[in-house]
């Protein structure tokens, strides 16, 4: 069985279904590329995949080492490049919850973000910047 099934709905919209769970999402072309911008664009999903993958890898470390990172938030900034139109830069900013993270935990969590499969899969021309705001 395929991991994801998708159906073109017309008007630059696609409905995607995660076959294992039945969860669906809709994508829409962005306003600056002939769409309505009423849902995540495909490049928005790529940016989201990078952020959530990095956060998941960090979460796996925390789960395995008894570190609580519940409540950590992130902001994702995507910049497009032209000729060809593509993602030029992805910036992920993690707002770490106010906890007594050790220096080792901080270092490991920052390194973990750079080991996520999406980060390692994106073309090297896509600039990827991970920033951490540690609350004291």
C-alpha atoms as a PDB file:
ATOM      1  CA  UNK A   1       0.000   0.000   0.000  1.00  0.00           C
ATOM      2  CA  UNK A   2       1.360   3.458  -0.822  1.00  0.00           C
ATOM      3  CA  UNK A   3       2.243   5.738   2.082  1.00  0.00           C
ATOM      4  CA  UNK A   4       0.257   8.668   0.669  1.00  0.00           C
ATOM      5  CA  UNK A   5      -2.487   8.908  -1.944  1.00  0.00           C
ATOM      6  CA  UNK A   6      -3.397  12.204  -3.574  1.00  0.00           C
ATOM      7  CA  UNK A   7      -6.154  13.551  -5.798  1.00  0.00           C
ATOM      8  CA  UNK A   8      -6.182  16.747  -7.826  1.00  0.00           C
ATOM      9  CA  UNK A   9      -9.306  18.721  -6.924  1.00  0.00           C
ATOM     10  CA  UNK A  10      -8.958  21.382  -9.596  1.00  0.00           C
ATOM     11  CA  UNK A  11      -8.126  25.066  -9.231  1.00  0.00           C
ATOM     12  CA  UNK A  12      -4.538  24.219  -8.120  1.00  0.00           C
ATOM     13  CA  UNK A  13      -5.661  22.217  -5.065  1.00  0.00           C
ATOM     14  CA  UNK A  14      -4.601  18.712  -4.099  1.00  0.00           C
ATOM     15  CA  UNK A  15      -6.089  16.506  -1.374  1.00  0.00           C
ATOM     16  CA  UNK A  16      -3.542  14.163   0.195  1.00  0.00           C
ATOM     17  CA  UNK A  17      -4.391  11.172   2.381  1.00  0.00           C
ATOM     18  CA  UNK A  18      -1.992   9.452   4.760  1.00  0.00           C
ATOM     19  CA  UNK A  19      -3.135   5.906   4.098  1.00  0.00           C
ATOM     20  CA  UNK A  20      -2.200   4.369   7.455  1.00  0.00           C
ATOM     21  CA  UNK A  21      -4.141   6.901   9.518  1.00  0.00           C
ATOM     22  CA  UNK A  22      -6.655   8.275   7.032  1.00  0.00           C
ATOM     23  CA  UNK A  23      -5.593  11.839   7.882  1.00  0.00           C
ATOM     24  CA  UNK A  24      -6.050  14.275   5.005  1.00  0.00           C
ATOM     25  CA  UNK A  25      -4.539  17.610   4.120  1.00  0.00           C
ATOM     26  CA  UNK A  26      -5.207  20.023   1.302  1.00  0.00           C
ATOM     27  CA  UNK A  27      -2.512  21.928  -0.546  1.00  0.00           C
ATOM     28  CA  UNK A  28      -3.097  25.103  -2.496  1.00  0.00           C
ATOM     29  CA  UNK A  29      -0.826  27.085  -4.766  1.00  0.00           C
ATOM     30  CA  UNK A  30       0.406  30.308  -3.168  1.00  0.00           C
ATOM     31  CA  UNK A  31      -0.961  33.668  -4.260  1.00  0.00           C
ATOM     32  CA  UNK A  32       2.360  34.602  -5.877  1.00  0.00           C
ATOM     33  CA  UNK A  33       2.175  31.485  -8.052  1.00  0.00           C
ATOM     34  CA  UNK A  34      -1.378  31.611  -9.457  1.00  0.00           C
ATOM     35  CA  UNK A  35      -3.132  30.167  -6.398  1.00  0.00           C
ATOM     36  CA  UNK A  36      -5.463  31.370  -3.699  1.00  0.00           C
ATOM     37  CA  UNK A  37      -3.109  30.706  -0.783  1.00  0.00           C
ATOM     38  CA  UNK A  38      -5.947  29.181   1.253  1.00  0.00           C
ATOM     39  CA  UNK A  39      -3.927  26.190   2.498  1.00  0.00           C
ATOM     40  CA  UNK A  40      -0.343  25.030   2.881  1.00  0.00           C
ATOM     41  CA  UNK A  41       1.532  25.190  -0.411  1.00  0.00           C
ATOM     42  CA  UNK A  42       3.767  22.249  -1.354  1.00  0.00           C
ATOM     43  CA  UNK A  43       6.845  24.293  -0.406  1.00  0.00           C
ATOM     44  CA  UNK A  44       5.178  25.221   2.910  1.00  0.00           C
ATOM     45  CA  UNK A  45       4.855  21.492   3.579  1.00  0.00           C
ATOM     46  CA  UNK A  46       8.543  21.014   2.802  1.00  0.00           C
ATOM     47  CA  UNK A  47       9.423  23.765   5.299  1.00  0.00           C
ATOM     48  CA  UNK A  48       7.036  22.249   7.837  1.00  0.00           C
ATOM     49  CA  UNK A  49       8.570  18.816   7.272  1.00  0.00           C
ATOM     50  CA  UNK A  50      12.030  20.171   8.083  1.00  0.00           C
ATOM     51  CA  UNK A  51      10.905  21.830  11.309  1.00  0.00           C
ATOM     52  CA  UNK A  52       8.771  18.970  12.551  1.00  0.00           C
ATOM     53  CA  UNK A  53      11.411  16.391  11.646  1.00  0.00           C
ATOM     54  CA  UNK A  54      14.090  18.280  13.592  1.00  0.00           C
ATOM     55  CA  UNK A  55      11.729  18.694  16.543  1.00  0.00           C
ATOM     56  CA  UNK A  56      10.867  14.980  16.435  1.00  0.00           C
ATOM     57  CA  UNK A  57      14.533  13.942  16.492  1.00  0.00           C
ATOM     58  CA  UNK A  58      15.056  16.275  19.445  1.00  0.00           C
ATOM     59  CA  UNK A  59      11.999  14.702  21.097  1.00  0.00           C
ATOM     60  CA  UNK A  60      13.393  11.196  20.599  1.00  0.00           C
ATOM     61  CA  UNK A  61      16.587  12.224  22.383  1.00  0.00           C
ATOM     62  CA  UNK A  62      14.577  13.756  25.212  1.00  0.00           C
ATOM     63  CA  UNK A  63      12.302  10.726  25.548  1.00  0.00           C
ATOM     64  CA  UNK A  64      15.303   8.380  25.703  1.00  0.00           C
ATOM     65  CA  UNK A  65      17.163  10.511  28.255  1.00  0.00           C
ATOM     66  CA  UNK A  66      14.359  11.631  30.567  1.00  0.00           C
ATOM     67  CA  UNK A  67      14.395  15.252  29.419  1.00  0.00           C
ATOM     68  CA  UNK A  68      11.070  17.091  29.194  1.00  0.00           C
ATOM     69  CA  UNK A  69      10.741  19.370  26.179  1.00  0.00           C
ATOM     70  CA  UNK A  70       6.951  19.631  26.302  1.00  0.00           C
ATOM     71  CA  UNK A  71       5.822  23.043  25.163  1.00  0.00           C
ATOM     72  CA  UNK A  72       8.807  23.839  22.943  1.00  0.00           C
ATOM     73  CA  UNK A  73       7.583  26.011  20.065  1.00  0.00           C
ATOM     74  CA  UNK A  74       9.077  26.846  16.709  1.00  0.00           C
ATOM     75  CA  UNK A  75       8.771  29.413  13.971  1.00  0.00           C
ATOM     76  CA  UNK A  76       9.522  28.509  10.374  1.00  0.00           C
ATOM     77  CA  UNK A  77      10.546  31.105   7.817  1.00  0.00           C
ATOM     78  CA  UNK A  78      10.694  30.142   4.140  1.00  0.00           C
ATOM     79  CA  UNK A  79      12.342  32.266   1.460  1.00  0.00           C
ATOM     80  CA  UNK A  80      11.876  31.466  -2.200  1.00  0.00           C
ATOM     81  CA  UNK A  81      14.457  31.951  -4.945  1.00  0.00           C
ATOM     82  CA  UNK A  82      13.782  32.584  -8.627  1.00  0.00           C
ATOM     83  CA  UNK A  83      15.163  31.141 -11.866  1.00  0.00           C
ATOM     84  CA  UNK A  84      14.355  28.415 -11.169  1.00  0.00           C
ATOM     85  CA  UNK A  85      11.619  29.002  -8.614  1.00  0.00           C
ATOM     86  CA  UNK A  86      12.635  26.960  -5.581  1.00  0.00           C
ATOM     87  CA  UNK A  87      13.096  27.131  -1.833  1.00  0.00           C
ATOM     88  CA  UNK A  88      16.205  29.203  -1.218  1.00  0.00           C
ATOM     89  CA  UNK A  89      16.329  29.334   2.562  1.00  0.00           C
ATOM     90  CA  UNK A  90      14.578  27.689   5.488  1.00  0.00           C
ATOM     91  CA  UNK A  91      15.036  29.139   8.949  1.00  0.00           C
ATOM     92  CA  UNK A  92      13.779  27.223  11.963  1.00  0.00           C
ATOM     93  CA  UNK A  93      13.728  29.070  15.287  1.00  0.00           C
ATOM     94  CA  UNK A  94      13.130  26.934  18.363  1.00  0.00           C
ATOM     95  CA  UNK A  95      11.744  28.667  21.454  1.00  0.00           C
ATOM     96  CA  UNK A  96      12.899  26.332  24.181  1.00  0.00           C
ATOM     97  CA  UNK A  97      10.768  26.146  27.295  1.00  0.00           C
ATOM     98  CA  UNK A  98      12.166  27.511  30.543  1.00  0.00           C
ATOM     99  CA  UNK A  99      13.732  24.432  32.060  1.00  0.00           C
ATOM    100  CA  UNK A 100      17.059  23.647  33.648  1.00  0.00           C
ATOM    101  CA  UNK A 101      18.652  22.178  30.510  1.00  0.00           C
ATOM    102  CA  UNK A 102      22.283  21.256  31.118  1.00  0.00           C
ATOM    103  CA  UNK A 103      24.942  22.563  28.734  1.00  0.00           C
ATOM    104  CA  UNK A 104      25.313  18.997  27.423  1.00  0.00           C
ATOM    105  CA  UNK A 105      21.564  18.730  26.767  1.00  0.00           C
ATOM    106  CA  UNK A 106      21.573  22.066  24.959  1.00  0.00           C
ATOM    107  CA  UNK A 107      24.490  20.984  22.797  1.00  0.00           C
ATOM    108  CA  UNK A 108      22.984  17.589  21.992  1.00  0.00           C
ATOM    109  CA  UNK A 109      19.575  19.068  21.148  1.00  0.00           C
ATOM    110  CA  UNK A 110      21.125  21.627  18.826  1.00  0.00           C
ATOM    111  CA  UNK A 111      23.152  18.899  17.079  1.00  0.00           C
ATOM    112  CA  UNK A 112      20.101  16.613  16.890  1.00  0.00           C
ATOM    113  CA  UNK A 113      18.255  19.135  14.720  1.00  0.00           C
ATOM    114  CA  UNK A 114      21.002  18.783  12.106  1.00  0.00           C
ATOM    115  CA  UNK A 115      20.643  14.994  11.993  1.00  0.00           C
ATOM    116  CA  UNK A 116      16.989  14.806  11.010  1.00  0.00           C
ATOM    117  CA  UNK A 117      16.288  12.894   7.778  1.00  0.00           C
ATOM    118  CA  UNK A 118      14.614  15.866   6.066  1.00  0.00           C
ATOM    119  CA  UNK A 119      17.627  18.107   6.749  1.00  0.00           C
ATOM    120  CA  UNK A 120      19.918  15.433   5.318  1.00  0.00           C
ATOM    121  CA  UNK A 121      17.633  14.896   2.295  1.00  0.00           C
ATOM    122  CA  UNK A 122      17.282  18.474   1.067  1.00  0.00           C
ATOM    123  CA  UNK A 123      19.568  19.700  -1.706  1.00  0.00           C
ATOM    124  CA  UNK A 124      22.671  21.498  -0.414  1.00  0.00           C
ATOM    125  CA  UNK A 125      21.616  24.659  -2.308  1.00  0.00           C
ATOM    126  CA  UNK A 126      18.724  25.048   0.163  1.00  0.00           C
ATOM    127  CA  UNK A 127      20.171  27.073   3.030  1.00  0.00           C
ATOM    128  CA  UNK A 128      18.983  25.624   6.338  1.00  0.00           C
ATOM    129  CA  UNK A 129      19.408  27.664   9.502  1.00  0.00           C
ATOM    130  CA  UNK A 130      18.504  26.341  12.949  1.00  0.00           C
ATOM    131  CA  UNK A 131      18.374  28.837  15.836  1.00  0.00           C
ATOM    132  CA  UNK A 132      17.614  28.189  19.490  1.00  0.00           C
ATOM    133  CA  UNK A 133      16.241  30.679  21.983  1.00  0.00           C
ATOM    134  CA  UNK A 134      16.956  29.198  25.397  1.00  0.00           C
ATOM    135  CA  UNK A 135      14.751  30.555  28.196  1.00  0.00           C
ATOM    136  CA  UNK A 136      16.497  30.889  31.529  1.00  0.00           C
END
